Each structure stands twice: as C-alpha cells, then as structure tokens.
N, C-alpha and C. Protein backbone atom coordinates (compact mmCIF):
# COMPACT_ATOMS: atom_id res chain seq x y z
N MET A 1 3.04 14.56 -53.49
CA MET A 1 2.69 15.66 -52.55
C MET A 1 2.06 16.69 -53.44
N PRO A 2 1.03 17.35 -52.81
CA PRO A 2 0.22 18.43 -53.59
C PRO A 2 1.16 19.57 -53.85
N GLU A 3 1.11 20.13 -55.12
CA GLU A 3 1.88 21.14 -55.58
C GLU A 3 1.68 22.50 -54.87
N THR A 4 0.28 22.68 -54.33
CA THR A 4 0.02 23.86 -53.69
C THR A 4 0.27 23.96 -52.20
N LEU A 5 0.96 22.89 -51.68
CA LEU A 5 1.25 22.92 -50.26
C LEU A 5 2.31 23.88 -49.93
N SER A 6 2.07 24.67 -48.79
CA SER A 6 3.05 25.61 -48.38
C SER A 6 3.25 25.47 -46.80
N PHE A 7 4.34 25.97 -46.35
CA PHE A 7 4.76 25.85 -44.92
C PHE A 7 5.13 27.22 -44.36
N ARG A 8 4.64 27.44 -43.18
CA ARG A 8 5.02 28.72 -42.38
C ARG A 8 4.84 28.40 -40.95
N GLY A 9 5.23 29.36 -40.17
CA GLY A 9 5.03 29.30 -38.62
C GLY A 9 3.57 29.45 -38.37
N ILE A 10 3.21 29.10 -37.15
CA ILE A 10 1.90 29.14 -36.63
C ILE A 10 1.68 30.58 -36.02
N SER A 11 0.56 31.17 -36.28
CA SER A 11 0.15 32.48 -35.73
C SER A 11 -1.17 32.30 -34.95
N ARG A 12 -1.38 33.38 -34.15
CA ARG A 12 -2.64 33.49 -33.48
C ARG A 12 -3.97 33.19 -34.39
N ASP A 13 -3.84 33.60 -35.46
CA ASP A 13 -5.01 33.46 -36.48
C ASP A 13 -5.20 31.99 -36.79
N ASP A 14 -4.28 31.17 -36.55
CA ASP A 14 -4.48 29.71 -36.88
C ASP A 14 -4.90 28.92 -35.71
N ILE A 15 -5.07 29.43 -34.61
CA ILE A 15 -5.39 28.69 -33.34
C ILE A 15 -6.60 27.87 -33.47
N ASP A 16 -7.72 28.38 -33.85
CA ASP A 16 -8.99 27.72 -33.98
C ASP A 16 -8.87 26.48 -34.89
N GLU A 17 -8.30 26.71 -36.05
CA GLU A 17 -8.10 25.67 -37.09
C GLU A 17 -7.13 24.56 -36.54
N LEU A 18 -6.17 24.91 -35.90
CA LEU A 18 -5.09 24.09 -35.38
C LEU A 18 -5.74 23.22 -34.19
N ALA A 19 -6.57 23.84 -33.44
CA ALA A 19 -7.16 23.12 -32.37
C ALA A 19 -8.17 22.03 -32.82
N ALA A 20 -8.81 22.38 -34.01
CA ALA A 20 -9.70 21.45 -34.58
C ALA A 20 -8.88 20.25 -35.24
N LEU A 21 -7.75 20.54 -35.75
CA LEU A 21 -6.88 19.38 -36.33
C LEU A 21 -6.43 18.63 -35.22
N VAL A 22 -5.97 19.14 -34.13
CA VAL A 22 -5.45 18.42 -32.95
C VAL A 22 -6.69 17.53 -32.43
N ALA A 23 -7.79 18.12 -32.29
CA ALA A 23 -9.00 17.32 -31.79
C ALA A 23 -9.34 16.14 -32.71
N ASP A 24 -9.28 16.37 -33.96
CA ASP A 24 -9.48 15.18 -34.92
C ASP A 24 -8.43 14.20 -34.75
N ALA A 25 -7.17 14.60 -34.56
CA ALA A 25 -6.03 13.61 -34.33
C ALA A 25 -6.24 12.87 -33.08
N PHE A 26 -6.76 13.42 -32.04
CA PHE A 26 -7.05 12.74 -30.74
C PHE A 26 -8.11 11.65 -30.89
N VAL A 27 -8.90 11.72 -31.86
CA VAL A 27 -10.01 10.69 -32.08
C VAL A 27 -9.30 9.37 -32.20
N GLY A 28 -8.05 9.39 -32.81
CA GLY A 28 -7.43 8.11 -33.02
C GLY A 28 -6.90 7.49 -31.66
N TYR A 29 -6.84 8.29 -30.62
CA TYR A 29 -6.33 7.87 -29.31
C TYR A 29 -7.50 7.36 -28.49
N ARG A 30 -8.73 7.26 -29.02
CA ARG A 30 -9.86 6.80 -28.16
C ARG A 30 -9.54 5.47 -27.57
N SER A 31 -9.12 4.55 -28.20
CA SER A 31 -8.93 3.25 -27.67
C SER A 31 -7.62 3.11 -26.83
N TRP A 32 -6.81 4.19 -26.82
CA TRP A 32 -5.54 4.16 -26.06
C TRP A 32 -5.52 5.10 -24.91
N GLY A 33 -6.61 5.74 -24.69
CA GLY A 33 -6.59 6.94 -23.64
C GLY A 33 -7.56 6.87 -22.65
N THR A 34 -7.37 7.78 -21.68
CA THR A 34 -8.27 7.96 -20.56
C THR A 34 -8.44 9.46 -20.18
N LEU A 35 -9.67 9.90 -19.93
CA LEU A 35 -9.83 11.25 -19.48
C LEU A 35 -10.25 11.23 -17.99
N ALA A 36 -9.94 12.33 -17.29
CA ALA A 36 -10.37 12.47 -15.94
C ALA A 36 -11.21 13.70 -15.95
N ARG A 37 -12.46 13.68 -15.37
CA ARG A 37 -13.36 14.83 -15.29
C ARG A 37 -13.82 14.99 -13.87
N GLU A 38 -14.03 16.31 -13.62
CA GLU A 38 -14.77 16.64 -12.28
C GLU A 38 -16.01 17.45 -12.80
N LYS A 39 -17.10 16.81 -12.72
CA LYS A 39 -18.29 17.40 -13.26
C LYS A 39 -18.13 17.70 -14.74
N GLN A 40 -18.18 19.03 -15.16
CA GLN A 40 -18.06 19.39 -16.48
C GLN A 40 -16.56 19.84 -16.91
N THR A 41 -15.57 19.69 -15.87
CA THR A 41 -14.24 20.17 -16.18
C THR A 41 -13.33 19.08 -16.45
N LEU A 42 -12.57 19.28 -17.49
CA LEU A 42 -11.62 18.22 -17.85
C LEU A 42 -10.36 18.56 -16.97
N ALA A 43 -10.09 17.41 -16.09
CA ALA A 43 -8.93 17.59 -15.13
C ALA A 43 -7.59 17.15 -15.87
N GLY A 44 -7.59 16.22 -16.72
CA GLY A 44 -6.49 15.69 -17.33
C GLY A 44 -6.70 14.50 -18.26
N HIS A 45 -5.57 14.08 -18.90
CA HIS A 45 -5.73 12.84 -19.70
C HIS A 45 -4.43 12.07 -19.83
N ALA A 46 -4.50 10.89 -20.24
CA ALA A 46 -3.34 10.07 -20.37
C ALA A 46 -3.56 9.24 -21.69
N THR A 47 -2.55 8.98 -22.40
CA THR A 47 -2.55 8.17 -23.66
C THR A 47 -1.37 7.40 -23.76
N PHE A 48 -1.52 6.19 -24.37
CA PHE A 48 -0.23 5.39 -24.73
C PHE A 48 -0.46 4.78 -26.02
N ILE A 49 0.64 4.38 -26.64
CA ILE A 49 0.70 3.68 -27.92
C ILE A 49 1.74 2.51 -27.89
N PRO A 50 1.63 1.65 -28.75
CA PRO A 50 2.88 0.63 -28.72
C PRO A 50 4.06 1.39 -29.12
N ALA A 51 5.14 1.21 -28.41
CA ALA A 51 6.45 1.90 -28.66
C ALA A 51 6.95 1.70 -30.12
N THR A 52 6.48 0.60 -30.70
CA THR A 52 6.89 0.38 -32.17
C THR A 52 6.27 1.47 -33.08
N ARG A 53 5.22 2.14 -32.66
CA ARG A 53 4.58 3.09 -33.43
C ARG A 53 5.03 4.54 -33.19
N HIS A 54 5.89 4.77 -32.25
CA HIS A 54 6.29 6.14 -31.94
C HIS A 54 6.87 6.78 -33.21
N SER A 55 6.56 8.05 -33.50
CA SER A 55 6.92 8.64 -34.71
C SER A 55 8.35 8.97 -34.89
N GLN A 56 8.97 9.25 -33.71
CA GLN A 56 10.42 9.66 -33.78
C GLN A 56 11.40 8.63 -33.25
N HIS A 57 10.93 7.97 -32.15
CA HIS A 57 11.82 6.96 -31.46
C HIS A 57 11.10 5.57 -31.31
N ALA A 58 10.79 5.09 -32.46
CA ALA A 58 10.14 3.62 -32.43
C ALA A 58 11.14 2.69 -31.85
N ALA A 59 10.60 1.77 -30.97
CA ALA A 59 11.40 0.75 -30.33
C ALA A 59 10.95 -0.57 -30.92
N PRO A 60 11.94 -1.48 -31.19
CA PRO A 60 11.54 -2.74 -31.83
C PRO A 60 10.78 -3.75 -30.91
N ASP A 61 10.72 -3.43 -29.59
CA ASP A 61 10.19 -4.23 -28.60
C ASP A 61 8.65 -4.20 -28.68
N LEU A 62 8.05 -5.35 -29.09
CA LEU A 62 6.62 -5.45 -29.18
C LEU A 62 5.82 -5.40 -27.83
N ALA A 63 6.62 -5.69 -26.81
CA ALA A 63 5.98 -5.72 -25.41
C ALA A 63 6.19 -4.35 -24.70
N LEU A 64 6.57 -3.37 -25.41
CA LEU A 64 6.91 -2.02 -24.77
C LEU A 64 5.76 -1.04 -25.17
N ALA A 65 5.11 -0.43 -24.17
CA ALA A 65 4.08 0.59 -24.50
C ALA A 65 4.83 1.94 -24.30
N HIS A 66 4.42 2.98 -24.94
CA HIS A 66 4.93 4.24 -24.88
C HIS A 66 3.86 5.23 -24.36
N LEU A 67 4.09 5.85 -23.11
CA LEU A 67 3.17 6.74 -22.55
C LEU A 67 3.38 8.09 -23.34
N GLY A 68 2.47 8.39 -24.20
CA GLY A 68 2.56 9.63 -24.99
C GLY A 68 2.11 10.87 -24.30
N HIS A 69 1.19 10.75 -23.45
CA HIS A 69 0.58 11.93 -22.84
C HIS A 69 0.28 11.62 -21.48
N LEU A 70 0.51 12.55 -20.50
CA LEU A 70 0.00 12.51 -19.14
C LEU A 70 -0.02 13.94 -18.80
N PHE A 71 -1.18 14.65 -19.00
CA PHE A 71 -1.34 16.01 -18.61
C PHE A 71 -2.42 16.21 -17.72
N VAL A 72 -2.23 17.08 -16.72
CA VAL A 72 -3.26 17.40 -15.69
C VAL A 72 -3.25 18.92 -15.51
N LYS A 73 -4.40 19.45 -15.45
CA LYS A 73 -4.52 20.86 -15.30
C LYS A 73 -3.88 21.27 -13.92
N PRO A 74 -3.14 22.47 -13.85
CA PRO A 74 -2.51 22.83 -12.58
C PRO A 74 -3.42 22.80 -11.38
N ALA A 75 -4.65 23.13 -11.56
CA ALA A 75 -5.61 23.15 -10.43
C ALA A 75 -5.75 21.80 -9.81
N TYR A 76 -5.36 20.69 -10.55
CA TYR A 76 -5.42 19.33 -9.94
C TYR A 76 -4.14 18.76 -9.63
N TRP A 77 -3.06 19.46 -9.70
CA TRP A 77 -1.69 19.01 -9.28
C TRP A 77 -1.75 18.66 -7.82
N GLY A 78 -1.15 17.52 -7.45
CA GLY A 78 -1.15 17.18 -6.03
C GLY A 78 -2.41 16.54 -5.61
N SER A 79 -3.43 16.36 -6.51
CA SER A 79 -4.79 15.79 -6.05
C SER A 79 -4.85 14.27 -6.16
N GLY A 80 -3.83 13.70 -6.83
CA GLY A 80 -3.92 12.35 -7.11
C GLY A 80 -4.47 11.91 -8.52
N VAL A 81 -4.92 12.87 -9.21
CA VAL A 81 -5.43 12.64 -10.53
C VAL A 81 -4.35 12.11 -11.47
N ALA A 82 -3.19 12.62 -11.41
CA ALA A 82 -2.14 12.13 -12.34
C ALA A 82 -1.78 10.67 -12.02
N ALA A 83 -1.76 10.35 -10.80
CA ALA A 83 -1.43 9.00 -10.33
C ALA A 83 -2.54 7.95 -10.91
N GLN A 84 -3.78 8.47 -10.74
CA GLN A 84 -4.90 7.63 -11.09
C GLN A 84 -4.93 7.41 -12.61
N LEU A 85 -4.69 8.48 -13.37
CA LEU A 85 -4.56 8.45 -14.84
C LEU A 85 -3.37 7.44 -15.27
N LEU A 86 -2.29 7.62 -14.53
CA LEU A 86 -1.13 6.74 -15.02
C LEU A 86 -1.46 5.22 -14.62
N THR A 87 -2.09 5.00 -13.48
CA THR A 87 -2.45 3.63 -13.16
C THR A 87 -3.32 3.05 -14.09
N ARG A 88 -4.34 3.85 -14.60
CA ARG A 88 -5.39 3.34 -15.58
C ARG A 88 -4.59 3.09 -16.95
N ALA A 89 -3.62 3.88 -17.24
CA ALA A 89 -2.82 3.69 -18.52
C ALA A 89 -2.01 2.43 -18.40
N ARG A 90 -1.40 2.29 -17.27
CA ARG A 90 -0.55 0.99 -17.04
C ARG A 90 -1.40 -0.21 -17.04
N THR A 91 -2.50 -0.14 -16.32
CA THR A 91 -3.45 -1.23 -16.37
C THR A 91 -3.99 -1.62 -17.68
N ALA A 92 -4.33 -0.65 -18.56
CA ALA A 92 -4.82 -0.82 -19.89
C ALA A 92 -3.74 -1.46 -20.81
N ALA A 93 -2.48 -0.92 -20.63
CA ALA A 93 -1.42 -1.43 -21.39
C ALA A 93 -1.07 -2.87 -21.02
N ASN A 94 -1.09 -3.14 -19.80
CA ASN A 94 -0.90 -4.46 -19.29
C ASN A 94 -1.95 -5.45 -19.79
N ALA A 95 -3.25 -5.06 -19.88
CA ALA A 95 -4.29 -5.86 -20.28
C ALA A 95 -4.23 -6.11 -21.89
N ARG A 96 -3.56 -5.32 -22.62
CA ARG A 96 -3.30 -5.42 -23.98
C ARG A 96 -2.02 -6.21 -24.23
N GLY A 97 -1.35 -6.79 -23.21
CA GLY A 97 -0.23 -7.66 -23.39
C GLY A 97 1.16 -6.92 -23.28
N PHE A 98 1.12 -5.61 -23.04
CA PHE A 98 2.51 -4.96 -22.93
C PHE A 98 3.14 -5.35 -21.51
N ALA A 99 4.44 -5.53 -21.58
CA ALA A 99 5.09 -5.93 -20.30
C ALA A 99 5.75 -4.84 -19.66
N ALA A 100 5.96 -3.69 -20.37
CA ALA A 100 6.73 -2.62 -19.85
C ALA A 100 6.18 -1.30 -20.53
N MET A 101 6.42 -0.16 -19.81
CA MET A 101 6.06 1.07 -20.32
C MET A 101 7.22 2.02 -20.22
N ARG A 102 7.33 2.90 -21.31
CA ARG A 102 8.46 3.98 -21.23
C ARG A 102 7.65 5.28 -21.49
N LEU A 103 8.50 6.38 -21.18
CA LEU A 103 7.96 7.69 -21.44
C LEU A 103 9.15 8.58 -21.57
N PHE A 104 9.00 9.65 -22.17
CA PHE A 104 10.01 10.78 -22.23
C PHE A 104 9.53 12.04 -21.56
N VAL A 105 10.58 12.59 -20.78
CA VAL A 105 10.26 13.75 -19.93
C VAL A 105 11.45 14.75 -20.13
N PRO A 106 11.11 16.02 -20.31
CA PRO A 106 12.29 17.00 -20.26
C PRO A 106 13.06 16.79 -19.03
N ALA A 107 14.41 16.88 -19.30
CA ALA A 107 15.34 16.72 -18.11
C ALA A 107 15.05 17.88 -17.00
N GLY A 108 14.65 19.06 -17.48
CA GLY A 108 14.53 20.08 -16.57
C GLY A 108 13.22 20.08 -15.73
N GLN A 109 12.37 19.12 -16.08
CA GLN A 109 11.01 19.04 -15.37
C GLN A 109 11.17 18.26 -14.09
N ALA A 110 11.78 18.78 -13.12
CA ALA A 110 12.05 18.03 -11.76
C ALA A 110 10.88 17.51 -11.12
N ARG A 111 9.75 18.24 -11.18
CA ARG A 111 8.43 17.85 -10.63
C ARG A 111 7.95 16.55 -11.26
N ALA A 112 7.96 16.63 -12.50
CA ALA A 112 7.47 15.42 -13.30
C ALA A 112 8.37 14.17 -13.09
N ARG A 113 9.74 14.49 -13.10
CA ARG A 113 10.63 13.42 -12.85
C ARG A 113 10.39 12.65 -11.48
N ARG A 114 10.19 13.48 -10.39
CA ARG A 114 9.98 12.98 -9.05
C ARG A 114 8.66 12.17 -9.16
N PHE A 115 7.70 12.73 -9.79
CA PHE A 115 6.35 12.00 -9.83
C PHE A 115 6.52 10.54 -10.56
N TYR A 116 7.30 10.40 -11.69
CA TYR A 116 7.49 9.22 -12.35
C TYR A 116 8.28 8.28 -11.42
N THR A 117 9.32 8.83 -10.76
CA THR A 117 10.12 8.02 -9.86
C THR A 117 9.25 7.34 -8.76
N ARG A 118 8.37 8.31 -8.17
CA ARG A 118 7.47 7.68 -7.10
C ARG A 118 6.52 6.65 -7.68
N GLU A 119 6.23 6.77 -9.01
CA GLU A 119 5.34 5.80 -9.56
C GLU A 119 6.02 4.48 -10.10
N GLY A 120 7.30 4.40 -9.76
CA GLY A 120 7.94 3.14 -10.11
C GLY A 120 8.84 3.23 -11.35
N PHE A 121 8.89 4.25 -12.04
CA PHE A 121 9.66 4.42 -13.27
C PHE A 121 11.15 4.68 -12.89
N THR A 122 12.05 4.24 -13.66
CA THR A 122 13.47 4.57 -13.46
C THR A 122 14.06 5.06 -14.71
N GLN A 123 14.98 5.98 -14.54
CA GLN A 123 15.70 6.57 -15.73
C GLN A 123 16.40 5.50 -16.52
N ALA A 124 16.27 5.60 -17.84
CA ALA A 124 17.04 4.62 -18.72
C ALA A 124 17.91 5.45 -19.63
N GLY A 125 19.15 5.49 -19.36
CA GLY A 125 20.02 6.20 -20.20
C GLY A 125 20.29 7.69 -19.87
N GLU A 126 21.05 8.21 -20.72
CA GLU A 126 21.45 9.67 -20.57
C GLU A 126 20.52 10.64 -21.27
N PRO A 127 20.45 11.87 -20.95
CA PRO A 127 19.62 12.83 -21.67
C PRO A 127 19.94 12.81 -23.19
N PHE A 128 18.93 13.08 -24.02
CA PHE A 128 19.10 13.15 -25.43
C PHE A 128 18.15 14.25 -25.99
N ASP A 129 18.46 14.69 -27.26
CA ASP A 129 17.62 15.68 -27.96
C ASP A 129 16.55 14.87 -28.71
N ALA A 130 15.30 15.01 -28.37
CA ALA A 130 14.24 14.39 -28.98
C ALA A 130 13.54 15.32 -30.10
N GLY A 131 14.31 16.27 -30.54
CA GLY A 131 13.86 17.19 -31.58
C GLY A 131 13.13 18.37 -31.01
N LEU A 132 13.06 18.55 -29.70
CA LEU A 132 12.35 19.64 -29.13
C LEU A 132 13.27 20.74 -28.65
N ALA A 133 14.53 20.72 -28.98
CA ALA A 133 15.49 21.76 -28.60
C ALA A 133 15.64 21.88 -27.08
N LEU A 134 15.56 20.73 -26.39
CA LEU A 134 15.75 20.62 -24.94
C LEU A 134 15.96 19.16 -24.65
N PRO A 135 16.91 18.93 -23.61
CA PRO A 135 17.35 17.54 -23.33
C PRO A 135 16.15 16.82 -22.70
N VAL A 136 15.91 15.49 -23.10
CA VAL A 136 14.84 14.67 -22.75
C VAL A 136 15.49 13.46 -22.09
N LEU A 137 14.69 12.92 -21.12
CA LEU A 137 15.19 11.61 -20.47
C LEU A 137 14.14 10.55 -20.70
N GLU A 138 14.57 9.35 -20.85
CA GLU A 138 13.65 8.16 -21.04
C GLU A 138 13.49 7.54 -19.59
N TYR A 139 12.25 7.21 -19.31
CA TYR A 139 11.98 6.53 -18.12
C TYR A 139 11.29 5.24 -18.40
N ARG A 140 11.41 4.20 -17.72
CA ARG A 140 10.74 2.96 -17.96
C ARG A 140 10.32 2.27 -16.61
N ARG A 141 9.34 1.32 -16.80
CA ARG A 141 8.85 0.54 -15.74
C ARG A 141 8.16 -0.67 -16.19
N SER A 142 8.27 -1.74 -15.36
CA SER A 142 7.70 -3.01 -15.73
C SER A 142 6.22 -2.90 -15.47
N LEU A 143 5.44 -3.69 -16.28
CA LEU A 143 3.99 -3.72 -16.12
C LEU A 143 3.61 -5.09 -15.62
N CYS A 144 4.35 -5.62 -14.69
CA CYS A 144 4.09 -6.93 -14.23
C CYS A 144 2.74 -7.02 -13.57
N ALA A 145 2.26 -8.20 -13.30
CA ALA A 145 0.91 -8.39 -12.78
C ALA A 145 0.68 -7.57 -11.50
N SER A 146 1.66 -7.40 -10.70
CA SER A 146 1.50 -6.57 -9.50
C SER A 146 1.60 -5.09 -9.78
N LEU A 147 0.57 -4.56 -10.49
CA LEU A 147 0.55 -3.17 -10.93
C LEU A 147 0.55 -2.24 -9.79
N GLY A 148 0.09 -2.61 -8.65
CA GLY A 148 0.16 -1.72 -7.52
C GLY A 148 1.45 -1.51 -6.99
N ALA A 149 2.42 -2.30 -7.29
CA ALA A 149 3.74 -2.22 -6.77
C ALA A 149 4.56 -1.16 -7.46
C-alpha cells in the first residue's frame, strides 16, 4: 500500500472528482447493465453481477445473479420504466445462464419492497445489517424460462 495514502470524510469540494471516479467504475458495468433514456434525459439504470462477485455478501451459488442497482429518477416513478429495466436485467441474466436473481433493499423502503414483490421477488430471511447502518432485506426470484411470470 502506498505510504502517502490518507483517509478522510467526503466534502463538497470532492464531488467532481468523486463523480469522475464513480463514472470510471461504472464502465466496468457496461456488459452487465442497461440504461433507460427519454430523448436526452437519463430516466434510470439497472445493473447486475454474478452473486459470487458481490464485495460484501458473496454467494457460492454460480447460478445466482445479484441485482446491484435499479435506480429510476422520481419523475419516472410509476411510469413502468423500473419494471422494464428489471425485466431487461432478468432477461440478460437468464441469457447468461443464471437461474435466479437476488437483491438487497433497505427494510424501511416500503415502496421498493412492494415493487419487487409485484415483480415476483420474495423475501428471503430476516433483516440484517449490510454495513449501511440500516436493516436490509434480501429478496430472490427464479429466472425460469417463463420470464413474464
């Protein structure tokens, strides 16, 4: 490890540099993600990875995909964009040979939990601390050939 490395909290002065770092990191998601756009406006995005590669909660199941992100701008909530992004992520994961998908959602996010339940996900286990200082729930769903179900 470099001897000159230091650590501190993030400040407003760091935002541009931090945004560039995150943008560079997302380049690695290119083959695992989908964007939704309306003309020049980014409406949302979804990404997934093999659950074996999850940085904090790796799963030994090679057939399990982990939905890492599904974010939609509030202006598009209720429009169907999230469902379309999720369907595309599920379809892509299934095409890559994954048999199931999991995700983590904060226990207090009732709207998100209702959405994932409507989309066929079921809660798997009790709330746990995922290192975010808030209880998180795991949801799972099969990626069987009948993706529309």
